[in-house]
Amino acid sequence: MAAIPVGDDGRRAPLAWVGPVRAFRCQCPARIADVEGATTGTAPDSIEIVTMRNALHIIASLAMWCLFGYYWYVVLVRQPDPNTLRSVVILAIVVLAGLLLTVLWVRHNLKLARRFANRRRQTPVPATTPLELDTIGRPVTHPGLDVLRAARVVDVTADASAKTFTVADGRRSG
């Protein structure tokens, strides 16, 4: 059996840090290793650090599976009541109706996708469109798209006949 590390004061050394919850150590009896490095937070692979929260989750999961098994035992031992059978039939009909509607909806969408497939295959817009006219047809003057993209502040001046982009110095006026 491996020795448990002891601190300078003679007490057991603390476990590796796993978070704000209290932790305990689980060791498989066949794989007990020394716990050197446990104080630095790098415990060996053969030692699993399990938090209380994880342990409670495991216990709750096992309890729920036991309860699930017990309820199946209760269901299988009893003779079904006619009302119970009717409820099961209604539930099965609702589930099958939902499944049927889902399958029909998917088929409908696939049919639409095949029918209108050519609409998705339009020519892509060119990556760099020249900026010569704005959306209402006015001529645009600018120092260059690369300069405008690199600028921190761009002044835009527009009137009825033209639009002008200029790079500003970035200082507030007034």
Protein backbone atom coordinates (compact mmCIF):
# COMPACT_ATOMS: atom_id res chain seq x y z
CA MET A 1 0.00 0.00 0.00
CA ALA A 2 1.32 3.46 -0.87
CA ALA A 3 2.23 5.94 1.76
CA ILE A 4 -0.07 8.90 2.25
CA PRO A 5 1.91 12.16 2.06
CA VAL A 6 2.29 13.95 5.37
CA GLY A 7 2.89 17.66 5.79
CA ASP A 8 5.46 19.36 8.05
CA ASP A 9 2.98 19.48 10.93
CA GLY A 10 2.39 15.71 10.83
CA ARG A 11 -1.10 15.93 9.33
CA ARG A 12 -2.17 14.52 5.95
CA ALA A 13 -1.28 16.65 2.96
CA PRO A 14 -4.26 18.26 1.18
CA LEU A 15 -5.73 16.73 -1.96
CA ALA A 16 -5.41 18.30 -5.40
CA TRP A 17 -7.49 21.42 -5.98
CA VAL A 18 -10.68 20.56 -7.84
CA GLY A 19 -12.79 23.61 -7.22
CA PRO A 20 -14.75 25.26 -4.46
CA VAL A 21 -16.41 22.00 -3.34
CA ARG A 22 -14.86 19.55 -0.86
CA ALA A 23 -13.18 16.60 -2.55
CA PHE A 24 -12.35 13.06 -1.58
CA ARG A 25 -10.09 10.52 -3.24
CA CYS A 26 -11.31 7.29 -4.85
CA GLN A 27 -8.67 4.64 -5.41
CA CYS A 28 -9.10 1.32 -7.12
CA PRO A 29 -7.53 -1.31 -4.78
CA ALA A 30 -5.60 -2.86 -7.67
CA ARG A 31 -4.09 0.47 -8.71
CA ILE A 32 -2.93 2.28 -5.62
CA ALA A 33 -0.16 4.67 -6.54
CA ASP A 34 1.79 7.17 -4.59
CA VAL A 35 0.17 10.57 -4.48
CA GLU A 36 3.22 12.64 -5.17
CA GLY A 37 2.12 15.82 -6.87
CA ALA A 38 -1.29 15.87 -5.18
CA THR A 39 -0.43 19.15 -3.45
CA THR A 40 0.55 20.80 -6.73
CA GLY A 41 -2.70 19.95 -8.43
CA THR A 42 -1.23 17.34 -10.77
CA ALA A 43 -2.30 14.03 -9.28
CA PRO A 44 -1.18 10.84 -11.04
CA ASP A 45 -3.55 9.25 -13.54
CA SER A 46 -4.23 6.25 -11.29
CA ILE A 47 -5.93 8.46 -8.69
CA GLU A 48 -9.30 9.90 -9.56
CA ILE A 49 -10.39 13.03 -7.76
CA VAL A 50 -14.15 12.97 -7.31
CA THR A 51 -16.03 15.93 -5.93
CA MET A 52 -18.96 15.57 -3.58
CA ARG A 53 -21.16 16.98 -6.32
CA ASN A 54 -20.11 14.23 -8.74
CA ALA A 55 -20.65 11.60 -6.06
CA LEU A 56 -24.15 12.94 -5.36
CA HIS A 57 -24.92 12.88 -9.08
CA ILE A 58 -23.82 9.25 -9.28
CA ILE A 59 -25.92 8.30 -6.25
CA ALA A 60 -28.97 10.15 -7.61
CA SER A 61 -28.55 8.49 -11.01
CA LEU A 62 -28.39 5.03 -9.46
CA ALA A 63 -31.46 5.76 -7.33
CA MET A 64 -33.39 6.93 -10.41
CA TRP A 65 -32.45 3.78 -12.36
CA CYS A 66 -33.60 1.64 -9.41
CA LEU A 67 -36.89 3.54 -9.32
CA PHE A 68 -37.28 3.14 -13.09
CA GLY A 69 -36.72 -0.63 -12.77
CA TYR A 70 -39.18 -0.87 -9.89
CA TYR A 71 -41.89 0.94 -11.87
CA TRP A 72 -41.40 -1.39 -14.83
CA TYR A 73 -41.77 -4.31 -12.41
CA VAL A 74 -45.02 -2.81 -11.10
CA VAL A 75 -46.31 -2.29 -14.64
CA LEU A 76 -45.44 -5.78 -15.85
CA VAL A 77 -46.86 -7.59 -12.80
CA ARG A 78 -50.28 -5.88 -12.88
CA GLN A 79 -53.17 -6.84 -15.09
CA PRO A 80 -53.89 -3.82 -17.29
CA ASP A 81 -57.16 -1.98 -16.75
CA PRO A 82 -59.28 -1.22 -19.86
CA ASN A 83 -58.88 2.51 -19.17
CA THR A 84 -55.12 2.06 -19.10
CA LEU A 85 -55.15 0.25 -22.42
CA ARG A 86 -57.28 3.01 -23.92
CA SER A 87 -54.78 5.63 -22.66
CA VAL A 88 -51.88 3.70 -24.18
CA VAL A 89 -53.70 3.44 -27.52
CA ILE A 90 -54.48 7.18 -27.53
CA LEU A 91 -50.85 7.98 -26.68
CA ALA A 92 -49.61 5.69 -29.47
CA ILE A 93 -51.99 7.34 -31.97
CA VAL A 94 -50.78 10.83 -31.00
CA VAL A 95 -47.11 9.79 -31.30
CA LEU A 96 -47.67 8.14 -34.68
CA ALA A 97 -49.64 11.14 -35.94
CA GLY A 98 -46.78 13.46 -34.93
CA LEU A 99 -44.27 11.19 -36.64
CA LEU A 100 -46.41 11.04 -39.81
CA LEU A 101 -46.82 14.83 -39.93
CA THR A 102 -43.06 15.30 -39.47
CA VAL A 103 -42.25 12.89 -42.30
CA LEU A 104 -44.79 14.57 -44.59
CA TRP A 105 -43.37 18.03 -43.78
CA VAL A 106 -39.83 16.87 -44.56
CA ARG A 107 -40.97 15.33 -47.86
CA HIS A 108 -42.76 18.59 -48.74
CA ASN A 109 -39.62 20.63 -48.04
CA LEU A 110 -37.44 18.25 -50.06
CA LYS A 111 -39.86 18.52 -52.96
CA LEU A 112 -39.70 22.33 -52.80
CA ALA A 113 -35.90 22.21 -52.63
CA ARG A 114 -35.75 20.06 -55.78
CA ARG A 115 -38.31 22.20 -57.57
CA PHE A 116 -36.60 25.52 -56.89
CA ALA A 117 -32.99 24.30 -56.86
CA ASN A 118 -31.96 26.59 -59.73
CA ARG A 119 -32.79 29.69 -57.72
CA ARG A 120 -29.98 28.90 -55.31
CA ARG A 121 -27.43 28.60 -58.10
CA GLN A 122 -27.22 32.24 -59.07
CA THR A 123 -23.91 33.78 -59.99
CA PRO A 124 -22.19 35.19 -56.91
CA VAL A 125 -21.70 38.90 -56.51
CA PRO A 126 -18.12 39.91 -57.33
CA ALA A 127 -15.98 40.29 -54.21
CA THR A 128 -14.72 43.75 -55.13
CA THR A 129 -17.31 45.91 -56.79
CA PRO A 130 -16.03 49.22 -58.12
CA LEU A 131 -17.47 52.21 -56.33
CA GLU A 132 -18.32 54.48 -59.25
CA LEU A 133 -22.02 55.23 -58.67
CA ASP A 134 -24.12 55.17 -55.53
CA THR A 135 -27.51 53.45 -55.32
CA ILE A 136 -29.38 56.39 -56.85
CA GLY A 137 -26.94 56.89 -59.73
CA ARG A 138 -24.79 59.83 -58.51
CA PRO A 139 -21.08 59.72 -59.36
CA VAL A 140 -18.80 58.90 -56.40
CA THR A 141 -15.32 60.32 -55.86
CA HIS A 142 -12.94 58.76 -53.33
CA PRO A 143 -9.20 58.22 -52.77
CA GLY A 144 -9.49 54.44 -53.21
CA LEU A 145 -11.32 51.58 -51.50
CA ASP A 146 -8.20 50.30 -49.71
CA VAL A 147 -7.53 53.77 -48.30
CA LEU A 148 -11.13 54.11 -47.14
CA ARG A 149 -11.08 50.66 -45.49
CA ALA A 150 -7.86 51.49 -43.63
CA ALA A 151 -9.04 54.93 -42.47
CA ARG A 152 -10.36 55.41 -38.94
CA VAL A 153 -12.70 58.23 -39.91
CA VAL A 154 -14.28 58.89 -43.32
CA ASP A 155 -16.20 62.04 -44.17
CA VAL A 156 -19.07 61.63 -46.60
CA THR A 157 -20.37 64.65 -48.45
CA ALA A 158 -23.42 64.29 -50.65
CA ASP A 159 -25.47 66.72 -52.68
CA ALA A 160 -27.95 66.35 -55.53
CA SER A 161 -25.26 65.82 -58.17
CA ALA A 162 -22.38 63.85 -56.50
CA LYS A 163 -21.10 62.02 -53.44
CA THR A 164 -17.55 62.44 -52.07
CA PHE A 165 -15.65 60.26 -49.59
CA THR A 166 -12.57 61.80 -47.91
CA VAL A 167 -10.32 60.50 -45.15
CA ALA A 168 -10.60 62.71 -42.07
CA ASP A 169 -7.95 63.24 -39.39
CA GLY A 170 -10.13 61.75 -36.64
CA ARG A 171 -10.20 64.80 -34.36
CA ARG A 172 -13.49 66.24 -33.17
CA SER A 173 -14.23 69.73 -34.36
CA GLY A 174 -15.79 72.41 -32.19
